[in-house]
Amino acid sequence: RNSHPAVVMRKRALDRERSRTRVNIGQASSEWRELKEKEGLTLEGFPSLCVHVKCFPQEFA
């Protein structure tokens, strides 16, 4: 493990940057994971799945 101050500062900066784009879906995460696997989606396909679920909820009931 590299604990050089510059490495630690860089990691913290990257963590802060990443946290700005994260979305917490809470308890629904296991349902989303199952649905993602069922539909065979990658992370890039996830936004379109969200729209699909919103527009056609009967398909996911």
PDB file of N, CA and C in Angstrom:
ATOM      1  N   ARG A   1       0.841  -1.180   0.000  1.00  0.00           N
ATOM      2  CA  ARG A   1       0.000   0.000   0.000  1.00  0.00           C
ATOM      3  C   ARG A   1       0.881   1.236   0.000  1.00  0.00           C
ATOM      4  N   ASN A   2       0.610   2.143  -0.912  1.00  0.00           N
ATOM      5  CA  ASN A   2       1.428   3.335  -1.040  1.00  0.00           C
ATOM      6  C   ASN A   2       0.805   4.467  -0.229  1.00  0.00           C
ATOM      7  N   SER A   3       1.513   4.917   0.805  1.00  0.00           N
ATOM      8  CA  SER A   3       0.978   5.980   1.647  1.00  0.00           C
ATOM      9  C   SER A   3       1.735   7.292   1.457  1.00  0.00           C
ATOM     10  N   HIS A   4       2.364   7.432   0.312  1.00  0.00           N
ATOM     11  CA  HIS A   4       3.046   8.680  -0.009  1.00  0.00           C
ATOM     12  C   HIS A   4       1.994   9.789  -0.021  1.00  0.00           C
ATOM     13  N   PRO A   5       2.286  10.947   0.584  1.00  0.00           N
ATOM     14  CA  PRO A   5       1.289  12.031   0.679  1.00  0.00           C
ATOM     15  C   PRO A   5       0.668  12.434  -0.665  1.00  0.00           C
ATOM     16  N   ALA A   6       1.461  12.461  -1.711  1.00  0.00           N
ATOM     17  CA  ALA A   6       0.913  12.848  -3.021  1.00  0.00           C
ATOM     18  C   ALA A   6      -0.088  11.811  -3.527  1.00  0.00           C
ATOM     19  N   VAL A   7       0.186  10.540  -3.280  1.00  0.00           N
ATOM     20  CA  VAL A   7      -0.715   9.464  -3.705  1.00  0.00           C
ATOM     21  C   VAL A   7      -2.011   9.532  -2.905  1.00  0.00           C
ATOM     22  N   VAL A   8      -1.903   9.761  -1.613  1.00  0.00           N
ATOM     23  CA  VAL A   8      -3.079   9.852  -0.751  1.00  0.00           C
ATOM     24  C   VAL A   8      -3.950  11.037  -1.165  1.00  0.00           C
ATOM     25  N   MET A   9      -3.331  12.168  -1.433  1.00  0.00           N
ATOM     26  CA  MET A   9      -4.095  13.351  -1.842  1.00  0.00           C
ATOM     27  C   MET A   9      -4.791  13.124  -3.179  1.00  0.00           C
ATOM     28  N   ARG A  10      -4.107  12.473  -4.104  1.00  0.00           N
ATOM     29  CA  ARG A  10      -4.695  12.181  -5.419  1.00  0.00           C
ATOM     30  C   ARG A  10      -5.892  11.242  -5.279  1.00  0.00           C
ATOM     31  N   LYS A  11      -5.746  10.219  -4.438  1.00  0.00           N
ATOM     32  CA  LYS A  11      -6.843   9.270  -4.221  1.00  0.00           C
ATOM     33  C   LYS A  11      -8.049   9.983  -3.619  1.00  0.00           C
ATOM     34  N   ARG A  12      -7.827  10.838  -2.642  1.00  0.00           N
ATOM     35  CA  ARG A  12      -8.929  11.577  -2.023  1.00  0.00           C
ATOM     36  C   ARG A  12      -9.623  12.483  -3.032  1.00  0.00           C
ATOM     37  N   ALA A  13      -8.846  13.118  -3.892  1.00  0.00           N
ATOM     38  CA  ALA A  13      -9.427  13.985  -4.924  1.00  0.00           C
ATOM     39  C   ALA A  13     -10.284  13.165  -5.888  1.00  0.00           C
ATOM     40  N   LEU A  14      -9.794  12.002  -6.287  1.00  0.00           N
ATOM     41  CA  LEU A  14     -10.565  11.131  -7.183  1.00  0.00           C
ATOM     42  C   LEU A  14     -11.837  10.627  -6.500  1.00  0.00           C
ATOM     43  N   ASP A  15     -11.746  10.306  -5.216  1.00  0.00           N
ATOM     44  CA  ASP A  15     -12.922   9.858  -4.466  1.00  0.00           C
ATOM     45  C   ASP A  15     -13.973  10.963  -4.385  1.00  0.00           C
ATOM     46  N   ARG A  16     -13.548  12.199  -4.147  1.00  0.00           N
ATOM     47  CA  ARG A  16     -14.491  13.328  -4.096  1.00  0.00           C
ATOM     48  C   ARG A  16     -15.171  13.523  -5.441  1.00  0.00           C
ATOM     49  N   GLU A  17     -14.383  13.444  -6.506  1.00  0.00           N
ATOM     50  CA  GLU A  17     -14.924  13.607  -7.860  1.00  0.00           C
ATOM     51  C   GLU A  17     -15.950  12.512  -8.162  1.00  0.00           C
ATOM     52  N   ARG A  18     -15.628  11.287  -7.819  1.00  0.00           N
ATOM     53  CA  ARG A  18     -16.520  10.159  -8.072  1.00  0.00           C
ATOM     54  C   ARG A  18     -17.812  10.285  -7.264  1.00  0.00           C
ATOM     55  N   SER A  19     -17.715  10.783  -6.044  1.00  0.00           N
ATOM     56  CA  SER A  19     -18.899  10.873  -5.184  1.00  0.00           C
ATOM     57  C   SER A  19     -19.920  11.882  -5.718  1.00  0.00           C
ATOM     58  N   ARG A  20     -19.498  12.808  -6.533  1.00  0.00           N
ATOM     59  CA  ARG A  20     -20.423  13.790  -7.104  1.00  0.00           C
ATOM     60  C   ARG A  20     -21.379  13.181  -8.121  1.00  0.00           C
ATOM     61  N   THR A  21     -20.987  12.067  -8.723  1.00  0.00           N
ATOM     62  CA  THR A  21     -21.823  11.460  -9.758  1.00  0.00           C
ATOM     63  C   THR A  21     -22.538  10.200  -9.282  1.00  0.00           C
ATOM     64  N   ARG A  22     -22.342   9.813  -8.052  1.00  0.00           N
ATOM     65  CA  ARG A  22     -22.991   8.610  -7.524  1.00  0.00           C
ATOM     66  C   ARG A  22     -24.426   8.899  -7.132  1.00  0.00           C
ATOM     67  N   VAL A  23     -25.247   7.896  -7.318  1.00  0.00           N
ATOM     68  CA  VAL A  23     -26.644   7.989  -6.923  1.00  0.00           C
ATOM     69  C   VAL A  23     -26.918   6.859  -5.947  1.00  0.00           C
ATOM     70  N   ASN A  24     -27.498   7.180  -4.820  1.00  0.00           N
ATOM     71  CA  ASN A  24     -27.817   6.172  -3.826  1.00  0.00           C
ATOM     72  C   ASN A  24     -29.269   5.738  -4.028  1.00  0.00           C
ATOM     73  N   ILE A  25     -29.467   4.480  -4.381  1.00  0.00           N
ATOM     74  CA  ILE A  25     -30.830   3.990  -4.588  1.00  0.00           C
ATOM     75  C   ILE A  25     -31.298   3.165  -3.393  1.00  0.00           C
ATOM     76  N   GLY A  26     -30.514   3.185  -2.329  1.00  0.00           N
ATOM     77  CA  GLY A  26     -30.910   2.579  -1.068  1.00  0.00           C
ATOM     78  C   GLY A  26     -31.305   1.124  -1.160  1.00  0.00           C
ATOM     79  N   GLN A  27     -32.452   0.802  -0.575  1.00  0.00           N
ATOM     80  CA  GLN A  27     -32.900  -0.579  -0.488  1.00  0.00           C
ATOM     81  C   GLN A  27     -33.238  -1.171  -1.845  1.00  0.00           C
ATOM     82  N   ALA A  28     -33.475  -0.334  -2.828  1.00  0.00           N
ATOM     83  CA  ALA A  28     -33.825  -0.834  -4.156  1.00  0.00           C
ATOM     84  C   ALA A  28     -32.613  -1.396  -4.898  1.00  0.00           C
ATOM     85  N   SER A  29     -31.422  -1.261  -4.335  1.00  0.00           N
ATOM     86  CA  SER A  29     -30.223  -1.688  -5.052  1.00  0.00           C
ATOM     87  C   SER A  29     -30.250  -3.165  -5.413  1.00  0.00           C
ATOM     88  N   SER A  30     -30.753  -4.020  -4.525  1.00  0.00           N
ATOM     89  CA  SER A  30     -30.798  -5.448  -4.852  1.00  0.00           C
ATOM     90  C   SER A  30     -31.785  -5.713  -5.982  1.00  0.00           C
ATOM     91  N   GLU A  31     -32.913  -4.996  -5.993  1.00  0.00           N
ATOM     92  CA  GLU A  31     -33.876  -5.148  -7.084  1.00  0.00           C
ATOM     93  C   GLU A  31     -33.272  -4.682  -8.402  1.00  0.00           C
ATOM     94  N   TRP A  32     -32.562  -3.549  -8.367  1.00  0.00           N
ATOM     95  CA  TRP A  32     -31.934  -3.039  -9.583  1.00  0.00           C
ATOM     96  C   TRP A  32     -30.872  -4.007 -10.088  1.00  0.00           C
ATOM     97  N   ARG A  33     -30.111  -4.595  -9.181  1.00  0.00           N
ATOM     98  CA  ARG A  33     -29.066  -5.540  -9.559  1.00  0.00           C
ATOM     99  C   ARG A  33     -29.675  -6.757 -10.256  1.00  0.00           C
ATOM    100  N   GLU A  34     -30.757  -7.278  -9.680  1.00  0.00           N
ATOM    101  CA  GLU A  34     -31.439  -8.422 -10.289  1.00  0.00           C
ATOM    102  C   GLU A  34     -31.982  -8.074 -11.668  1.00  0.00           C
ATOM    103  N   LEU A  35     -32.604  -6.904 -11.768  1.00  0.00           N
ATOM    104  CA  LEU A  35     -33.172  -6.469 -13.039  1.00  0.00           C
ATOM    105  C   LEU A  35     -32.078  -6.255 -14.080  1.00  0.00           C
ATOM    106  N   LYS A  36     -30.964  -5.676 -13.657  1.00  0.00           N
ATOM    107  CA  LYS A  36     -29.831  -5.450 -14.559  1.00  0.00           C
ATOM    108  C   LYS A  36     -29.307  -6.780 -15.090  1.00  0.00           C
ATOM    109  N   GLU A  37     -29.178  -7.768 -14.207  1.00  0.00           N
ATOM    110  CA  GLU A  37     -28.709  -9.088 -14.634  1.00  0.00           C
ATOM    111  C   GLU A  37     -29.728  -9.760 -15.546  1.00  0.00           C
ATOM    112  N   LYS A  38     -31.003  -9.652 -15.196  1.00  0.00           N
ATOM    113  CA  LYS A  38     -32.066 -10.268 -15.990  1.00  0.00           C
ATOM    114  C   LYS A  38     -32.084  -9.705 -17.408  1.00  0.00           C
ATOM    115  N   GLU A  39     -31.915  -8.390 -17.519  1.00  0.00           N
ATOM    116  CA  GLU A  39     -31.962  -7.722 -18.818  1.00  0.00           C
ATOM    117  C   GLU A  39     -30.614  -7.746 -19.533  1.00  0.00           C
ATOM    118  N   GLY A  40     -29.563  -8.194 -18.835  1.00  0.00           N
ATOM    119  CA  GLY A  40     -28.233  -8.268 -19.437  1.00  0.00           C
ATOM    120  C   GLY A  40     -27.645  -6.910 -19.765  1.00  0.00           C
ATOM    121  N   LEU A  41     -27.874  -5.942 -18.898  1.00  0.00           N
ATOM    122  CA  LEU A  41     -27.419  -4.579 -19.166  1.00  0.00           C
ATOM    123  C   LEU A  41     -26.046  -4.298 -18.589  1.00  0.00           C
ATOM    124  N   THR A  42     -25.358  -3.384 -19.232  1.00  0.00           N
ATOM    125  CA  THR A  42     -24.121  -2.832 -18.694  1.00  0.00           C
ATOM    126  C   THR A  42     -24.497  -1.535 -17.998  1.00  0.00           C
ATOM    127  N   LEU A  43     -23.547  -0.891 -17.392  1.00  0.00           N
ATOM    128  CA  LEU A  43     -23.836   0.391 -16.741  1.00  0.00           C
ATOM    129  C   LEU A  43     -24.318   1.430 -17.744  1.00  0.00           C
ATOM    130  N   GLU A  44     -23.855   1.339 -18.994  1.00  0.00           N
ATOM    131  CA  GLU A  44     -24.273   2.303 -20.008  1.00  0.00           C
ATOM    132  C   GLU A  44     -25.762   2.136 -20.335  1.00  0.00           C
ATOM    133  N   GLY A  45     -26.281   0.922 -20.199  1.00  0.00           N
ATOM    134  CA  GLY A  45     -27.685   0.674 -20.503  1.00  0.00           C
ATOM    135  C   GLY A  45     -28.619   0.990 -19.359  1.00  0.00           C
ATOM    136  N   PHE A  46     -28.071   1.298 -18.211  1.00  0.00           N
ATOM    137  CA  PHE A  46     -28.885   1.509 -17.035  1.00  0.00           C
ATOM    138  C   PHE A  46     -29.839   2.696 -17.153  1.00  0.00           C
ATOM    139  N   PRO A  47     -29.409   3.851 -17.653  1.00  0.00           N
ATOM    140  CA  PRO A  47     -30.357   4.971 -17.781  1.00  0.00           C
ATOM    141  C   PRO A  47     -31.554   4.637 -18.669  1.00  0.00           C
ATOM    142  N   SER A  48     -31.322   3.915 -19.746  1.00  0.00           N
ATOM    143  CA  SER A  48     -32.444   3.567 -20.606  1.00  0.00           C
ATOM    144  C   SER A  48     -33.384   2.597 -19.901  1.00  0.00           C
ATOM    145  N   LEU A  49     -32.843   1.737 -19.063  1.00  0.00           N
ATOM    146  CA  LEU A  49     -33.690   0.839 -18.290  1.00  0.00           C
ATOM    147  C   LEU A  49     -34.565   1.636 -17.335  1.00  0.00           C
ATOM    148  N   CYS A  50     -34.013   2.652 -16.720  1.00  0.00           N
ATOM    149  CA  CYS A  50     -34.792   3.489 -15.799  1.00  0.00           C
ATOM    150  C   CYS A  50     -35.978   4.114 -16.519  1.00  0.00           C
ATOM    151  N   VAL A  51     -35.745   4.617 -17.708  1.00  0.00           N
ATOM    152  CA  VAL A  51     -36.824   5.213 -18.492  1.00  0.00           C
ATOM    153  C   VAL A  51     -37.846   4.154 -18.851  1.00  0.00           C
ATOM    154  N   HIS A  52     -37.384   2.996 -19.245  1.00  0.00           N
ATOM    155  CA  HIS A  52     -38.278   1.904 -19.633  1.00  0.00           C
ATOM    156  C   HIS A  52     -39.162   1.484 -18.451  1.00  0.00           C
ATOM    157  N   VAL A  53     -38.574   1.349 -17.278  1.00  0.00           N
ATOM    158  CA  VAL A  53     -39.332   0.967 -16.086  1.00  0.00           C
ATOM    159  C   VAL A  53     -40.379   2.023 -15.769  1.00  0.00           C
ATOM    160  N   LYS A  54     -40.018   3.279 -15.922  1.00  0.00           N
ATOM    161  CA  LYS A  54     -40.949   4.369 -15.632  1.00  0.00           C
ATOM    162  C   LYS A  54     -42.111   4.383 -16.626  1.00  0.00           C
ATOM    163  N   CYS A  55     -41.827   4.124 -17.899  1.00  0.00           N
ATOM    164  CA  CYS A  55     -42.853   4.184 -18.943  1.00  0.00           C
ATOM    165  C   CYS A  55     -43.696   2.916 -19.029  1.00  0.00           C
ATOM    166  N   PHE A  56     -43.118   1.772 -18.686  1.00  0.00           N
ATOM    167  CA  PHE A  56     -43.809   0.485 -18.821  1.00  0.00           C
ATOM    168  C   PHE A  56     -43.719  -0.325 -17.525  1.00  0.00           C
ATOM    169  N   PRO A  57     -44.236   0.205 -16.416  1.00  0.00           N
ATOM    170  CA  PRO A  57     -44.084  -0.490 -15.135  1.00  0.00           C
ATOM    171  C   PRO A  57     -44.751  -1.859 -15.098  1.00  0.00           C
ATOM    172  N   GLN A  58     -45.769  -2.062 -15.911  1.00  0.00           N
ATOM    173  CA  GLN A  58     -46.467  -3.360 -15.910  1.00  0.00           C
ATOM    174  C   GLN A  58     -45.537  -4.495 -16.331  1.00  0.00           C
ATOM    175  N   GLU A  59     -44.518  -4.207 -17.119  1.00  0.00           N
ATOM    176  CA  GLU A  59     -43.577  -5.244 -17.552  1.00  0.00           C
ATOM    177  C   GLU A  59     -42.657  -5.696 -16.425  1.00  0.00           C
ATOM    178  N   PHE A  60     -42.554  -4.891 -15.378  1.00  0.00           N
ATOM    179  CA  PHE A  60     -41.616  -5.181 -14.294  1.00  0.00           C
ATOM    180  C   PHE A  60     -42.333  -5.473 -12.990  1.00  0.00           C
ATOM    181  N   ALA A  61     -43.642  -5.654 -13.039  1.00  0.00           N
ATOM    182  CA  ALA A  61     -44.432  -5.910 -11.826  1.00  0.00           C
ATOM    183  C   ALA A  61     -44.282  -7.344 -11.373  1.00  0.00           C
TER     184      ALA A  61
END
